[in-house]
Amino acid sequence: MRYLWSLLFCLLAGIAQAAPAGKAYMSIIIDDLGQSSARDSRTLALPGPVTMAIMPDTPHATDFARQAHKAGRTVILHMPMDPATGPYAWHPGLALEELARRLDTALAKVPYAAGINNHMGSRMTAQREPMTWLMGELQRRHLFFVDSRTSAATVAAAQAQALGLAHVSRDVFLDDVRTTDAITRQLHQGIELARKQGSAVLIGHPYPQTLDVLEREMPRLKSQGIELVNLRQMIAERSNQAMPGHGRKGVYSNR
């Protein structure tokens, strides 16, 4: 039964890593939600199956998670990790018991979470022991993992793959540069990558510039040959395989 949940994801798409000929899939995740009702509502109104990544230490986390779930959107916990701070943040050196307590309390703040991704975490996701524990814990809870890849040294997705946990890794950040021109270029990079490798996972934030671009461009994706899919379908399409930018022959580089 250990691998049943992740195997079911894989069976939905067969064992192929890439999309069928002529298909190009894209998933979009918006991080840092729960801080502003106005930005949360605008994000929820985006067309298509955008994933809502909600921070536990925000004033609207629980209410917005319920609202997004009711609207049929995928909700994930945006888990703070070092160098993030706060009562839920994971840091190297914390005992596993404390990591477990912080994960429990964070999940309680974000009901209906189908999985988690890391908020910051450039130091934490490079720690093999806690990442191995986390992937096993997510497997036990039937939750998936998204590696935001905030560091080239991350071992998180590699440990998920080793355990057979349903997961994906981020390909493109939309808004490291917070201008509409730069965000548009990043979106187009995601489109080209999806065409090249069959799929692309994009992460952005509820900045006004990001939402402006997505509101304008998302309705055009279909005419550009891009099918926007929810995160569960993306996990199934990728079948737990690493993309070329993250490893070789489907295996992550940092194993």
C-alpha atoms as a PDB file:
ATOM      1  CA  MET A   1       0.000   0.000   0.000  1.00  0.00           C
ATOM      2  CA  ARG A   2       3.056   2.297   0.455  1.00  0.00           C
ATOM      3  CA  TYR A   3       3.149   3.452  -3.147  1.00  0.00           C
ATOM      4  CA  LEU A   4      -0.529   3.032  -4.089  1.00  0.00           C
ATOM      5  CA  TRP A   5      -1.465   6.706  -4.050  1.00  0.00           C
ATOM      6  CA  SER A   6       1.436   7.897  -6.196  1.00  0.00           C
ATOM      7  CA  LEU A   7       1.063   4.926  -8.539  1.00  0.00           C
ATOM      8  CA  LEU A   8      -2.556   5.866  -9.148  1.00  0.00           C
ATOM      9  CA  PHE A   9      -1.343   9.284 -10.303  1.00  0.00           C
ATOM     10  CA  CYS A  10       1.056   7.644 -12.679  1.00  0.00           C
ATOM     11  CA  LEU A  11      -1.504   5.230 -14.096  1.00  0.00           C
ATOM     12  CA  LEU A  12      -3.686   8.145 -15.127  1.00  0.00           C
ATOM     13  CA  ALA A  13      -1.076   9.131 -17.661  1.00  0.00           C
ATOM     14  CA  GLY A  14       0.626   5.813 -18.308  1.00  0.00           C
ATOM     15  CA  ILE A  15       4.358   5.643 -17.952  1.00  0.00           C
ATOM     16  CA  ALA A  16       5.333   8.246 -20.538  1.00  0.00           C
ATOM     17  CA  GLN A  17       7.308  11.207 -19.252  1.00  0.00           C
ATOM     18  CA  ALA A  18       6.373  13.638 -22.009  1.00  0.00           C
ATOM     19  CA  ALA A  19       2.952  14.646 -23.236  1.00  0.00           C
ATOM     20  CA  PRO A  20       1.458  12.922 -26.277  1.00  0.00           C
ATOM     21  CA  ALA A  21       2.506  14.285 -29.658  1.00  0.00           C
ATOM     22  CA  GLY A  22       1.114  17.770 -30.148  1.00  0.00           C
ATOM     23  CA  LYS A  23       0.226  18.221 -26.481  1.00  0.00           C
ATOM     24  CA  ALA A  24       1.790  20.844 -24.241  1.00  0.00           C
ATOM     25  CA  TYR A  25       0.572  21.074 -20.657  1.00  0.00           C
ATOM     26  CA  MET A  26       1.040  23.902 -18.170  1.00  0.00           C
ATOM     27  CA  SER A  27       0.262  24.282 -14.470  1.00  0.00           C
ATOM     28  CA  ILE A  28       0.368  27.606 -12.645  1.00  0.00           C
ATOM     29  CA  ILE A  29       0.807  27.971  -8.882  1.00  0.00           C
ATOM     30  CA  ILE A  30       0.345  31.265  -7.065  1.00  0.00           C
ATOM     31  CA  ASP A  31       2.297  31.439  -3.794  1.00  0.00           C
ATOM     32  CA  ASP A  32       2.023  33.634  -0.685  1.00  0.00           C
ATOM     33  CA  LEU A  33      -1.775  33.670  -0.527  1.00  0.00           C
ATOM     34  CA  GLY A  34      -3.762  34.397   2.633  1.00  0.00           C
ATOM     35  CA  GLN A  35      -2.250  37.829   3.289  1.00  0.00           C
ATOM     36  CA  SER A  36      -4.737  40.082   1.475  1.00  0.00           C
ATOM     37  CA  SER A  37      -8.405  39.388   0.800  1.00  0.00           C
ATOM     38  CA  ALA A  38      -8.340  41.627  -2.272  1.00  0.00           C
ATOM     39  CA  ARG A  39      -5.325  39.860  -3.828  1.00  0.00           C
ATOM     40  CA  ASP A  40      -6.651  36.449  -2.828  1.00  0.00           C
ATOM     41  CA  SER A  41     -10.000  37.132  -4.503  1.00  0.00           C
ATOM     42  CA  ARG A  42      -8.348  38.430  -7.653  1.00  0.00           C
ATOM     43  CA  THR A  43      -6.166  35.319  -7.812  1.00  0.00           C
ATOM     44  CA  LEU A  44      -9.159  33.056  -7.317  1.00  0.00           C
ATOM     45  CA  ALA A  45     -10.891  34.786 -10.249  1.00  0.00           C
ATOM     46  CA  LEU A  46      -8.114  33.878 -12.710  1.00  0.00           C
ATOM     47  CA  PRO A  47      -9.401  31.701 -15.550  1.00  0.00           C
ATOM     48  CA  GLY A  48      -8.419  28.070 -15.416  1.00  0.00           C
ATOM     49  CA  PRO A  49      -7.246  25.619 -12.761  1.00  0.00           C
ATOM     50  CA  VAL A  50      -4.682  27.760 -10.923  1.00  0.00           C
ATOM     51  CA  THR A  51      -3.299  26.200  -7.729  1.00  0.00           C
ATOM     52  CA  MET A  52      -3.621  28.280  -4.555  1.00  0.00           C
ATOM     53  CA  ALA A  53      -0.525  28.017  -2.300  1.00  0.00           C
ATOM     54  CA  ILE A  54      -1.552  29.452   1.066  1.00  0.00           C
ATOM     55  CA  MET A  55       0.825  30.501   3.839  1.00  0.00           C
ATOM     56  CA  PRO A  56      -0.205  29.284   7.305  1.00  0.00           C
ATOM     57  CA  ASP A  57       0.951  32.402   9.166  1.00  0.00           C
ATOM     58  CA  THR A  58      -1.380  34.816   7.382  1.00  0.00           C
ATOM     59  CA  PRO A  59      -4.621  36.400   8.610  1.00  0.00           C
ATOM     60  CA  HIS A  60      -6.877  34.870   5.951  1.00  0.00           C
ATOM     61  CA  ALA A  61      -5.261  31.442   5.542  1.00  0.00           C
ATOM     62  CA  THR A  62      -8.106  29.286   6.840  1.00  0.00           C
ATOM     63  CA  ASP A  63     -10.974  31.279   5.375  1.00  0.00           C
ATOM     64  CA  PHE A  64      -9.342  31.534   1.965  1.00  0.00           C
ATOM     65  CA  ALA A  65      -8.483  27.824   1.893  1.00  0.00           C
ATOM     66  CA  ARG A  66     -12.153  27.037   2.431  1.00  0.00           C
ATOM     67  CA  GLN A  67     -13.198  29.592  -0.195  1.00  0.00           C
ATOM     68  CA  ALA A  68     -10.755  28.240  -2.773  1.00  0.00           C
ATOM     69  CA  HIS A  69     -11.769  24.643  -2.095  1.00  0.00           C
ATOM     70  CA  LYS A  70     -15.439  25.554  -2.474  1.00  0.00           C
ATOM     71  CA  ALA A  71     -14.585  27.180  -5.831  1.00  0.00           C
ATOM     72  CA  GLY A  72     -13.041  23.902  -7.000  1.00  0.00           C
ATOM     73  CA  ARG A  73      -9.415  25.035  -6.928  1.00  0.00           C
ATOM     74  CA  THR A  74      -6.492  22.946  -5.749  1.00  0.00           C
ATOM     75  CA  VAL A  75      -5.246  24.180  -2.383  1.00  0.00           C
ATOM     76  CA  ILE A  76      -1.720  23.509  -1.127  1.00  0.00           C
ATOM     77  CA  LEU A  77       0.131  24.525   2.013  1.00  0.00           C
ATOM     78  CA  HIS A  78       2.919  27.010   1.277  1.00  0.00           C
ATOM     79  CA  MET A  79       5.212  25.755   4.052  1.00  0.00           C
ATOM     80  CA  PRO A  80       7.754  28.234   5.424  1.00  0.00           C
ATOM     81  CA  MET A  81      11.300  26.888   5.445  1.00  0.00           C
ATOM     82  CA  ASP A  82      14.635  28.463   6.351  1.00  0.00           C
ATOM     83  CA  PRO A  83      15.496  31.265   5.693  1.00  0.00           C
ATOM     84  CA  ALA A  84      11.792  31.992   6.272  1.00  0.00           C
ATOM     85  CA  THR A  85      10.922  32.827   9.865  1.00  0.00           C
ATOM     86  CA  GLY A  86       7.864  32.537  12.074  1.00  0.00           C
ATOM     87  CA  PRO A  87       6.152  29.924  14.249  1.00  0.00           C
ATOM     88  CA  TYR A  88       5.733  27.356  11.454  1.00  0.00           C
ATOM     89  CA  ALA A  89       9.115  27.702   9.735  1.00  0.00           C
ATOM     90  CA  TRP A  90      11.445  24.733   9.437  1.00  0.00           C
ATOM     91  CA  HIS A  91      15.106  25.329  10.226  1.00  0.00           C
ATOM     92  CA  PRO A  92      18.162  23.057  10.061  1.00  0.00           C
ATOM     93  CA  GLY A  93      18.905  21.647  13.490  1.00  0.00           C
ATOM     94  CA  LEU A  94      15.303  21.450  14.718  1.00  0.00           C
ATOM     95  CA  ALA A  95      14.380  18.052  16.101  1.00  0.00           C
ATOM     96  CA  LEU A  96      12.081  15.923  13.970  1.00  0.00           C
ATOM     97  CA  GLU A  97       9.473  16.128  16.725  1.00  0.00           C
ATOM     98  CA  GLU A  98       9.430  19.909  16.393  1.00  0.00           C
ATOM     99  CA  LEU A  99       9.323  19.723  12.598  1.00  0.00           C
ATOM    100  CA  ALA A 100       6.337  17.375  12.885  1.00  0.00           C
ATOM    101  CA  ARG A 101       4.573  19.702  15.322  1.00  0.00           C
ATOM    102  CA  ARG A 102       5.066  22.683  13.018  1.00  0.00           C
ATOM    103  CA  LEU A 103       3.818  20.713  10.016  1.00  0.00           C
ATOM    104  CA  ASP A 104       0.729  19.591  11.949  1.00  0.00           C
ATOM    105  CA  THR A 105      -0.152  23.108  13.056  1.00  0.00           C
ATOM    106  CA  ALA A 106       0.477  24.546   9.581  1.00  0.00           C
ATOM    107  CA  LEU A 107      -1.785  21.964   7.931  1.00  0.00           C
ATOM    108  CA  ALA A 108      -4.476  22.736  10.489  1.00  0.00           C
ATOM    109  CA  LYS A 109      -4.348  26.382   9.401  1.00  0.00           C
ATOM    110  CA  VAL A 110      -4.811  25.478   5.709  1.00  0.00           C
ATOM    111  CA  PRO A 111      -7.725  23.029   5.455  1.00  0.00           C
ATOM    112  CA  TYR A 112      -8.279  21.029   2.262  1.00  0.00           C
ATOM    113  CA  ALA A 113      -4.575  21.120   1.392  1.00  0.00           C
ATOM    114  CA  ALA A 114      -3.880  18.437  -1.221  1.00  0.00           C
ATOM    115  CA  GLY A 115      -0.130  18.861  -0.884  1.00  0.00           C
ATOM    116  CA  ILE A 116       2.595  21.298   0.080  1.00  0.00           C
ATOM    117  CA  ASN A 117       5.329  23.379  -1.504  1.00  0.00           C
ATOM    118  CA  ASN A 118       8.171  25.203   0.173  1.00  0.00           C
ATOM    119  CA  HIS A 119       8.118  28.923   0.920  1.00  0.00           C
ATOM    120  CA  MET A 120      11.745  30.047   0.633  1.00  0.00           C
ATOM    121  CA  GLY A 121      13.618  27.007   1.943  1.00  0.00           C
ATOM    122  CA  SER A 122      16.936  27.391   0.159  1.00  0.00           C
ATOM    123  CA  ARG A 123      18.775  26.089   3.232  1.00  0.00           C
ATOM    124  CA  MET A 124      16.145  23.654   4.451  1.00  0.00           C
ATOM    125  CA  THR A 125      15.472  21.813   1.197  1.00  0.00           C
ATOM    126  CA  ALA A 126      19.182  20.970   0.976  1.00  0.00           C
ATOM    127  CA  GLN A 127      18.947  18.985   4.248  1.00  0.00           C
ATOM    128  CA  ARG A 128      18.614  15.310   3.308  1.00  0.00           C
ATOM    129  CA  GLU A 129      17.435  13.842   6.626  1.00  0.00           C
ATOM    130  CA  PRO A 130      14.473  16.181   7.239  1.00  0.00           C
ATOM    131  CA  MET A 131      13.492  16.081   3.551  1.00  0.00           C
ATOM    132  CA  THR A 132      13.483  12.277   3.644  1.00  0.00           C
ATOM    133  CA  TRP A 133      11.315  12.383   6.764  1.00  0.00           C
ATOM    134  CA  LEU A 134       8.964  14.939   5.173  1.00  0.00           C
ATOM    135  CA  MET A 135       8.400  12.866   2.044  1.00  0.00           C
ATOM    136  CA  GLY A 136       7.611   9.811   4.121  1.00  0.00           C
ATOM    137  CA  GLU A 137       5.189  11.836   6.221  1.00  0.00           C
ATOM    138  CA  LEU A 138       3.458  13.231   3.143  1.00  0.00           C
ATOM    139  CA  GLN A 139       3.197   9.696   1.766  1.00  0.00           C
ATOM    140  CA  ARG A 140       1.517   8.617   4.998  1.00  0.00           C
ATOM    141  CA  ARG A 141      -0.933  11.525   4.791  1.00  0.00           C
ATOM    142  CA  HIS A 142      -1.638  11.007   1.047  1.00  0.00           C
ATOM    143  CA  LEU A 143      -0.385  14.496   0.201  1.00  0.00           C
ATOM    144  CA  PHE A 144       1.810  15.434  -2.754  1.00  0.00           C
ATOM    145  CA  PHE A 145       4.880  17.674  -2.844  1.00  0.00           C
ATOM    146  CA  VAL A 146       5.933  20.518  -5.136  1.00  0.00           C
ATOM    147  CA  ASP A 147       9.607  21.420  -5.026  1.00  0.00           C
ATOM    148  CA  SER A 148       9.745  25.164  -5.594  1.00  0.00           C
ATOM    149  CA  ARG A 149      13.468  24.756  -6.332  1.00  0.00           C
ATOM    150  CA  THR A 150      14.600  27.865  -4.498  1.00  0.00           C
ATOM    151  CA  SER A 151      18.099  26.368  -4.471  1.00  0.00           C
ATOM    152  CA  ALA A 152      20.101  24.321  -6.948  1.00  0.00           C
ATOM    153  CA  ALA A 153      21.173  22.236  -3.930  1.00  0.00           C
ATOM    154  CA  THR A 154      17.652  21.028  -3.168  1.00  0.00           C
ATOM    155  CA  VAL A 155      17.277  17.313  -2.468  1.00  0.00           C
ATOM    156  CA  ALA A 156      13.535  17.522  -1.797  1.00  0.00           C
ATOM    157  CA  ALA A 157      12.241  16.281  -5.153  1.00  0.00           C
ATOM    158  CA  ALA A 158      14.978  13.647  -5.320  1.00  0.00           C
ATOM    159  CA  GLN A 159      13.860  12.258  -1.966  1.00  0.00           C
ATOM    160  CA  ALA A 160      10.225  12.342  -3.093  1.00  0.00           C
ATOM    161  CA  GLN A 161      11.169  10.381  -6.193  1.00  0.00           C
ATOM    162  CA  ALA A 162      13.202   7.876  -4.175  1.00  0.00           C
ATOM    163  CA  LEU A 163      10.190   7.179  -1.948  1.00  0.00           C
ATOM    164  CA  GLY A 164       7.694   7.086  -4.804  1.00  0.00           C
ATOM    165  CA  LEU A 165       5.849  10.140  -3.477  1.00  0.00           C
ATOM    166  CA  ALA A 166       3.646  11.968  -5.998  1.00  0.00           C
ATOM    167  CA  HIS A 167       5.440  15.222  -6.777  1.00  0.00           C
ATOM    168  CA  VAL A 168       6.552  17.759  -9.377  1.00  0.00           C
ATOM    169  CA  SER A 169       9.268  20.405  -9.553  1.00  0.00           C
ATOM    170  CA  ARG A 170       8.931  24.020 -10.578  1.00  0.00           C
ATOM    171  CA  ASP A 171      10.329  24.937 -13.997  1.00  0.00           C
ATOM    172  CA  VAL A 172       9.860  28.722 -14.234  1.00  0.00           C
ATOM    173  CA  PHE A 173       9.435  31.547 -11.731  1.00  0.00           C
ATOM    174  CA  LEU A 174       7.200  34.185 -13.270  1.00  0.00           C
ATOM    175  CA  ASP A 175       8.029  37.258 -11.270  1.00  0.00           C
ATOM    176  CA  ASP A 176      11.541  37.403  -9.849  1.00  0.00           C
ATOM    177  CA  VAL A 177      11.584  40.721 -11.724  1.00  0.00           C
ATOM    178  CA  ARG A 178       8.347  42.493 -10.906  1.00  0.00           C
ATOM    179  CA  THR A 179       7.524  44.265 -14.176  1.00  0.00           C
ATOM    180  CA  THR A 180       4.849  43.336 -16.693  1.00  0.00           C
ATOM    181  CA  ASP A 181       7.411  43.027 -19.487  1.00  0.00           C
ATOM    182  CA  ALA A 182       9.652  40.689 -17.488  1.00  0.00           C
ATOM    183  CA  ILE A 183       6.700  38.589 -16.305  1.00  0.00           C
ATOM    184  CA  THR A 184       5.384  38.313 -19.848  1.00  0.00           C
ATOM    185  CA  ARG A 185       8.806  37.092 -20.992  1.00  0.00           C
ATOM    186  CA  GLN A 186       8.860  34.490 -18.236  1.00  0.00           C
ATOM    187  CA  LEU A 187       5.392  33.283 -19.199  1.00  0.00           C
ATOM    188  CA  HIS A 188       6.514  32.940 -22.806  1.00  0.00           C
ATOM    189  CA  GLN A 189       9.557  31.011 -21.594  1.00  0.00           C
ATOM    190  CA  GLY A 190       7.147  28.652 -19.834  1.00  0.00           C
ATOM    191  CA  ILE A 191       5.131  28.253 -23.026  1.00  0.00           C
ATOM    192  CA  GLU A 192       8.227  27.380 -25.036  1.00  0.00           C
ATOM    193  CA  LEU A 193       9.389  24.944 -22.375  1.00  0.00           C
ATOM    194  CA  ALA A 194       5.988  23.242 -22.309  1.00  0.00           C
ATOM    195  CA  ARG A 195       6.166  22.810 -26.076  1.00  0.00           C
ATOM    196  CA  LYS A 196       9.709  21.461 -25.872  1.00  0.00           C
ATOM    197  CA  GLN A 197       9.365  18.963 -23.014  1.00  0.00           C
ATOM    198  CA  GLY A 198       5.591  18.439 -23.022  1.00  0.00           C
ATOM    199  CA  SER A 199       4.851  20.257 -19.776  1.00  0.00           C
ATOM    200  CA  ALA A 200       5.874  23.188 -17.606  1.00  0.00           C
ATOM    201  CA  VAL A 201       5.154  24.140 -13.993  1.00  0.00           C
ATOM    202  CA  LEU A 202       5.161  27.885 -13.315  1.00  0.00           C
ATOM    203  CA  ILE A 203       5.133  29.657  -9.941  1.00  0.00           C
ATOM    204  CA  GLY A 204       4.154  33.269  -9.404  1.00  0.00           C
ATOM    205  CA  HIS A 205       2.903  35.569  -6.675  1.00  0.00           C
ATOM    206  CA  PRO A 206      -0.208  37.713  -6.276  1.00  0.00           C
ATOM    207  CA  TYR A 207       1.575  40.890  -7.312  1.00  0.00           C
ATOM    208  CA  PRO A 208      -0.564  43.310  -9.307  1.00  0.00           C
ATOM    209  CA  GLN A 209       1.821  43.021 -12.267  1.00  0.00           C
ATOM    210  CA  THR A 210       1.687  39.213 -12.231  1.00  0.00           C
ATOM    211  CA  LEU A 211      -2.089  39.176 -12.062  1.00  0.00           C
ATOM    212  CA  ASP A 212      -2.289  41.764 -14.856  1.00  0.00           C
ATOM    213  CA  VAL A 213      -0.216  39.518 -17.124  1.00  0.00           C
ATOM    214  CA  LEU A 214      -2.093  36.334 -16.245  1.00  0.00           C
ATOM    215  CA  GLU A 215      -5.504  37.930 -16.681  1.00  0.00           C
ATOM    216  CA  ARG A 216      -4.437  39.101 -20.143  1.00  0.00           C
ATOM    217  CA  GLU A 217      -2.512  36.047 -21.302  1.00  0.00           C
ATOM    218  CA  MET A 218      -4.231  33.012 -19.810  1.00  0.00           C
ATOM    219  CA  PRO A 219      -7.266  33.180 -22.134  1.00  0.00           C
ATOM    220  CA  ARG A 220      -4.803  33.047 -25.078  1.00  0.00           C
ATOM    221  CA  LEU A 221      -2.963  29.899 -23.980  1.00  0.00           C
ATOM    222  CA  LYS A 222      -5.265  27.453 -25.738  1.00  0.00           C
ATOM    223  CA  SER A 223      -4.794  29.215 -29.079  1.00  0.00           C
ATOM    224  CA  GLN A 224      -1.031  28.839 -28.540  1.00  0.00           C
ATOM    225  CA  GLY A 225      -1.329  25.091 -28.160  1.00  0.00           C
ATOM    226  CA  ILE A 226      -1.103  25.086 -24.355  1.00  0.00           C
ATOM    227  CA  GLU A 227      -3.532  23.129 -22.195  1.00  0.00           C
ATOM    228  CA  LEU A 228      -3.760  24.480 -18.670  1.00  0.00           C
ATOM    229  CA  VAL A 229      -4.172  21.582 -16.213  1.00  0.00           C
ATOM    230  CA  ASN A 230      -4.523  21.265 -12.476  1.00  0.00           C
ATOM    231  CA  LEU A 231      -1.614  20.094 -10.398  1.00  0.00           C
ATOM    232  CA  ARG A 232      -2.907  16.565  -9.912  1.00  0.00           C
ATOM    233  CA  GLN A 233      -3.071  16.063 -13.677  1.00  0.00           C
ATOM    234  CA  MET A 234       0.420  17.529 -14.060  1.00  0.00           C
ATOM    235  CA  ILE A 235       1.742  15.049 -11.491  1.00  0.00           C
ATOM    236  CA  ALA A 236       0.105  12.253 -13.451  1.00  0.00           C
ATOM    237  CA  GLU A 237       1.529  13.508 -16.743  1.00  0.00           C
ATOM    238  CA  ARG A 238       5.053  13.639 -15.358  1.00  0.00           C
ATOM    239  CA  SER A 239       4.779  10.276 -13.606  1.00  0.00           C
ATOM    240  CA  ASN A 240       7.283  11.321 -10.909  1.00  0.00           C
ATOM    241  CA  GLN A 241      10.017  11.865 -13.502  1.00  0.00           C
ATOM    242  CA  ALA A 242      12.576  14.670 -13.403  1.00  0.00           C
ATOM    243  CA  MET A 243      12.487  17.109 -16.298  1.00  0.00           C
ATOM    244  CA  PRO A 244      15.714  17.637 -18.320  1.00  0.00           C
ATOM    245  CA  GLY A 245      16.527  20.829 -16.411  1.00  0.00           C
ATOM    246  CA  HIS A 246      16.440  18.935 -13.115  1.00  0.00           C
ATOM    247  CA  GLY A 247      18.227  15.703 -13.896  1.00  0.00           C
ATOM    248  CA  ARG A 248      19.044  13.064 -16.510  1.00  0.00           C
ATOM    249  CA  LYS A 249      16.848  10.322 -17.932  1.00  0.00           C
ATOM    250  CA  GLY A 250      14.078  11.167 -15.502  1.00  0.00           C
ATOM    251  CA  VAL A 251      16.279  10.910 -12.399  1.00  0.00           C
ATOM    252  CA  TYR A 252      17.034  13.978 -10.271  1.00  0.00           C
ATOM    253  CA  SER A 253      20.649  15.107 -10.156  1.00  0.00           C
ATOM    254  CA  ASN A 254      20.861  15.468  -6.364  1.00  0.00           C
ATOM    255  CA  ARG A 255      20.066  11.909  -5.381  1.00  0.00           C
END
